């Protein structure tokens, strides 16, 4: 009997322990379910964060590429701008040279006009006509003198050729 009572007490103690273990087990099962739900939610959040991170990296790479492209475009634009500045400077210099050349030509024409005006002014015209007529008459008389000299030289040349022919004919007969 004592043994039976001890066994019954042991059984009750075991049943109580089983109840406690079962209640701890139920509590742990609930805790496990809560932790699994939390873990599942955290995995979802982690996946969302990774996706967001990938998107941000992609956007960052695109921004860097855009930045590089813009820098290259800016560099090309600056080079073109510098080239255009040089061309403008060259054009200005060329235009300035042409303007200076034109101004020099204009000054020369003005001086020529002044000289021609002073030479051919209406007041000087009668004197110029007289001077030109005197020069013309002097040139005509000089031409007549030269023609006379030329005529006399031609006569002398013809006379010398006449004298040479008999001497040449005599020399030819001697050689034969």
Protein backbone atom coordinates (compact mmCIF):
# COMPACT_ATOMS: atom_id res chain seq x y z
CA UNK A 1 0.00 0.00 0.00
CA UNK A 2 2.72 2.33 0.85
CA UNK A 3 4.28 1.55 -2.42
CA UNK A 4 1.03 2.23 -4.17
CA UNK A 5 0.66 5.54 -2.42
CA UNK A 6 4.17 6.47 -3.32
CA UNK A 7 3.53 5.48 -6.83
CA UNK A 8 0.31 7.47 -6.88
CA UNK A 9 2.14 10.45 -5.41
CA UNK A 10 4.88 9.97 -7.95
CA UNK A 11 2.21 9.70 -10.64
CA UNK A 12 0.60 12.91 -9.48
CA UNK A 13 3.98 14.61 -9.30
CA UNK A 14 4.70 13.39 -12.80
CA UNK A 15 1.33 14.53 -14.04
CA UNK A 16 1.95 17.93 -12.49
CA UNK A 17 5.36 18.04 -14.09
CA UNK A 18 3.81 16.95 -17.38
CA UNK A 19 1.25 19.78 -17.05
CA UNK A 20 4.04 22.22 -16.34
CA UNK A 21 6.13 20.89 -19.20
CA UNK A 22 3.04 20.98 -21.44
CA UNK A 23 2.27 24.55 -20.44
CA UNK A 24 5.96 25.51 -20.97
CA UNK A 25 5.84 23.61 -24.27
CA UNK A 26 2.66 25.46 -25.32
CA UNK A 27 4.23 28.74 -24.29
CA UNK A 28 7.39 27.88 -26.23
CA UNK A 29 5.28 26.81 -29.26
CA UNK A 30 3.52 30.17 -29.18
CA UNK A 31 6.85 31.92 -28.76
CA UNK A 32 8.26 29.88 -31.68
CA UNK A 33 5.29 30.79 -33.86
CA UNK A 34 5.72 34.46 -32.92
CA UNK A 35 9.43 34.29 -33.67
CA UNK A 36 8.81 32.53 -37.00
CA UNK A 37 6.28 35.19 -37.95
CA UNK A 38 8.75 37.86 -36.95
CA UNK A 39 11.51 36.07 -38.87
CA UNK A 40 9.28 35.84 -41.95
CA UNK A 41 8.44 39.54 -41.66
CA UNK A 42 12.10 40.40 -41.20
CA UNK A 43 13.02 38.32 -44.27
CA UNK A 44 10.41 40.22 -46.27
CA UNK A 45 11.78 43.51 -45.01
CA UNK A 46 15.31 42.33 -45.76
CA UNK A 47 14.33 41.40 -49.33
CA UNK A 48 12.62 44.78 -49.77
CA UNK A 49 15.73 46.54 -48.45
CA UNK A 50 17.98 44.51 -50.78
CA UNK A 51 15.73 45.37 -53.75
CA UNK A 52 15.75 49.03 -52.72
CA UNK A 53 19.54 48.84 -52.36
CA UNK A 54 19.85 47.38 -55.90
CA UNK A 55 17.59 50.11 -57.27
CA UNK A 56 19.61 52.79 -55.51
CA UNK A 57 22.89 51.30 -56.82
CA UNK A 58 21.45 51.23 -60.34
CA UNK A 59 20.30 54.83 -59.99
CA UNK A 60 23.70 55.77 -58.59
CA UNK A 61 25.45 54.13 -61.57
CA UNK A 62 23.08 55.91 -63.96
CA UNK A 63 23.79 59.21 -62.19
CA UNK A 64 27.54 58.59 -62.46
CA UNK A 65 27.20 57.77 -66.17
CA UNK A 66 25.08 60.89 -66.67
CA UNK A 67 27.66 62.91 -64.78
CA UNK A 68 30.49 61.55 -66.94
CA UNK A 69 28.44 62.18 -70.09
CA UNK A 70 27.68 65.75 -68.96
CA UNK A 71 31.34 66.35 -68.16
CA UNK A 72 32.32 65.12 -71.62
CA UNK A 73 29.66 67.29 -73.21
CA UNK A 74 30.85 70.27 -71.19
CA UNK A 75 34.44 69.59 -72.24
CA UNK A 76 33.42 69.36 -75.91
CA UNK A 77 31.34 72.52 -75.55
CA UNK A 78 34.27 74.35 -73.98
CA UNK A 79 36.58 73.16 -76.77
CA UNK A 80 34.07 74.32 -79.39
CA UNK A 81 33.66 77.61 -77.57
CA UNK A 82 37.43 78.11 -77.54
CA UNK A 83 37.62 77.21 -81.23
CA UNK A 84 34.86 79.71 -82.00
CA UNK A 85 36.66 82.37 -79.95
CA UNK A 86 39.82 81.75 -81.95
CA UNK A 87 37.91 81.93 -85.23
CA UNK A 88 36.25 85.17 -84.10
CA UNK A 89 39.67 86.62 -83.19
CA UNK A 90 41.06 85.56 -86.57
CA UNK A 91 38.06 87.09 -88.31
CA UNK A 92 38.45 90.32 -86.33
CA UNK A 93 42.17 90.48 -87.19
CA UNK A 94 41.47 89.78 -90.85
CA UNK A 95 38.71 92.40 -90.87
CA UNK A 96 41.02 94.89 -89.13
CA UNK A 97 43.78 94.26 -91.69
CA UNK A 98 41.29 94.71 -94.52
CA UNK A 99 39.99 97.91 -92.92
CA UNK A 100 43.53 99.25 -92.48
CA UNK A 101 44.39 98.35 -96.07
CA UNK A 102 41.22 100.05 -97.25
CA UNK A 103 42.01 103.13 -95.15
CA UNK A 104 45.53 103.27 -96.61
CA UNK A 105 44.14 102.95 -100.13
CA UNK A 106 41.59 105.64 -99.35
CA UNK A 107 44.32 107.97 -98.06
CA UNK A 108 46.39 107.29 -101.17
CA UNK A 109 43.38 108.02 -103.39
CA UNK A 110 42.70 111.22 -101.48
CA UNK A 111 46.34 112.29 -101.93
CA UNK A 112 46.22 111.39 -105.62
CA UNK A 113 43.01 113.32 -105.98
CA UNK A 114 44.60 116.33 -104.26
CA UNK A 115 47.64 116.07 -106.53
CA UNK A 116 45.52 115.69 -109.63
CA UNK A 117 43.30 118.54 -108.57
CA UNK A 118 46.31 120.79 -108.03
CA UNK A 119 47.77 119.75 -111.40
CA UNK A 120 44.55 119.92 -113.38
CA UNK A 121 42.84 122.77 -111.67
CA UNK A 122 40.93 125.13 -114.02
CA UNK A 123 43.32 127.98 -113.16
CA UNK A 124 46.35 125.97 -114.27
CA UNK A 125 44.76 124.49 -117.37
CA UNK A 126 45.87 127.26 -119.84
CA UNK A 127 49.45 127.07 -118.51
CA UNK A 128 49.43 123.27 -118.78
CA UNK A 129 48.14 123.46 -122.37
CA UNK A 130 50.93 125.90 -123.31
CA UNK A 131 53.51 123.73 -121.58
CA UNK A 132 52.20 120.65 -123.38
CA UNK A 133 52.26 122.44 -126.76
CA UNK A 134 55.87 123.59 -126.12
CA UNK A 135 56.85 120.05 -125.17
CA UNK A 136 55.10 118.74 -128.29
CA UNK A 137 56.88 121.19 -130.58
CA UNK A 138 60.22 120.37 -128.92
CA UNK A 139 59.59 116.67 -129.39
CA UNK A 140 58.61 117.17 -133.04
CA UNK A 141 61.77 119.13 -133.75
CA UNK A 142 63.84 116.53 -131.89
CA UNK A 143 62.13 113.82 -133.96
CA UNK A 144 62.92 115.66 -137.18
CA UNK A 145 66.56 116.00 -136.16
CA UNK A 146 66.73 112.28 -135.31
CA UNK A 147 65.06 111.37 -138.62
CA UNK A 148 67.59 113.50 -140.45
CA UNK A 149 70.44 111.82 -138.56
CA UNK A 150 68.95 108.41 -139.29
CA UNK A 151 68.58 109.26 -142.98
CA UNK A 152 72.21 110.43 -143.15
CA UNK A 153 73.39 107.23 -141.34
CA UNK A 154 71.44 105.09 -143.81
CA UNK A 155 73.10 106.89 -146.72
CA UNK A 156 76.52 106.38 -145.16
CA UNK A 157 75.73 102.70 -144.61
CA UNK A 158 74.66 102.26 -148.20
CA UNK A 159 77.81 103.99 -149.39
CA UNK A 160 79.95 101.74 -147.22
CA UNK A 161 78.20 98.66 -148.56
CA UNK A 162 78.88 99.83 -152.12
CA UNK A 163 82.54 100.25 -151.29
CA UNK A 164 82.66 96.80 -149.61
CA UNK A 165 81.20 94.93 -152.57
CA UNK A 166 84.10 95.52 -154.97
CA UNK A 167 86.60 94.62 -152.21
CA UNK A 168 84.68 91.44 -151.40
CA UNK A 169 84.43 90.49 -155.08
CA UNK A 170 88.20 90.96 -155.49
CA UNK A 171 88.89 88.84 -152.42
CA UNK A 172 86.69 86.07 -153.74
CA UNK A 173 88.45 86.01 -157.06
CA UNK A 174 91.83 85.78 -155.30
CA UNK A 175 90.71 82.76 -153.29
CA UNK A 176 89.60 80.89 -156.34
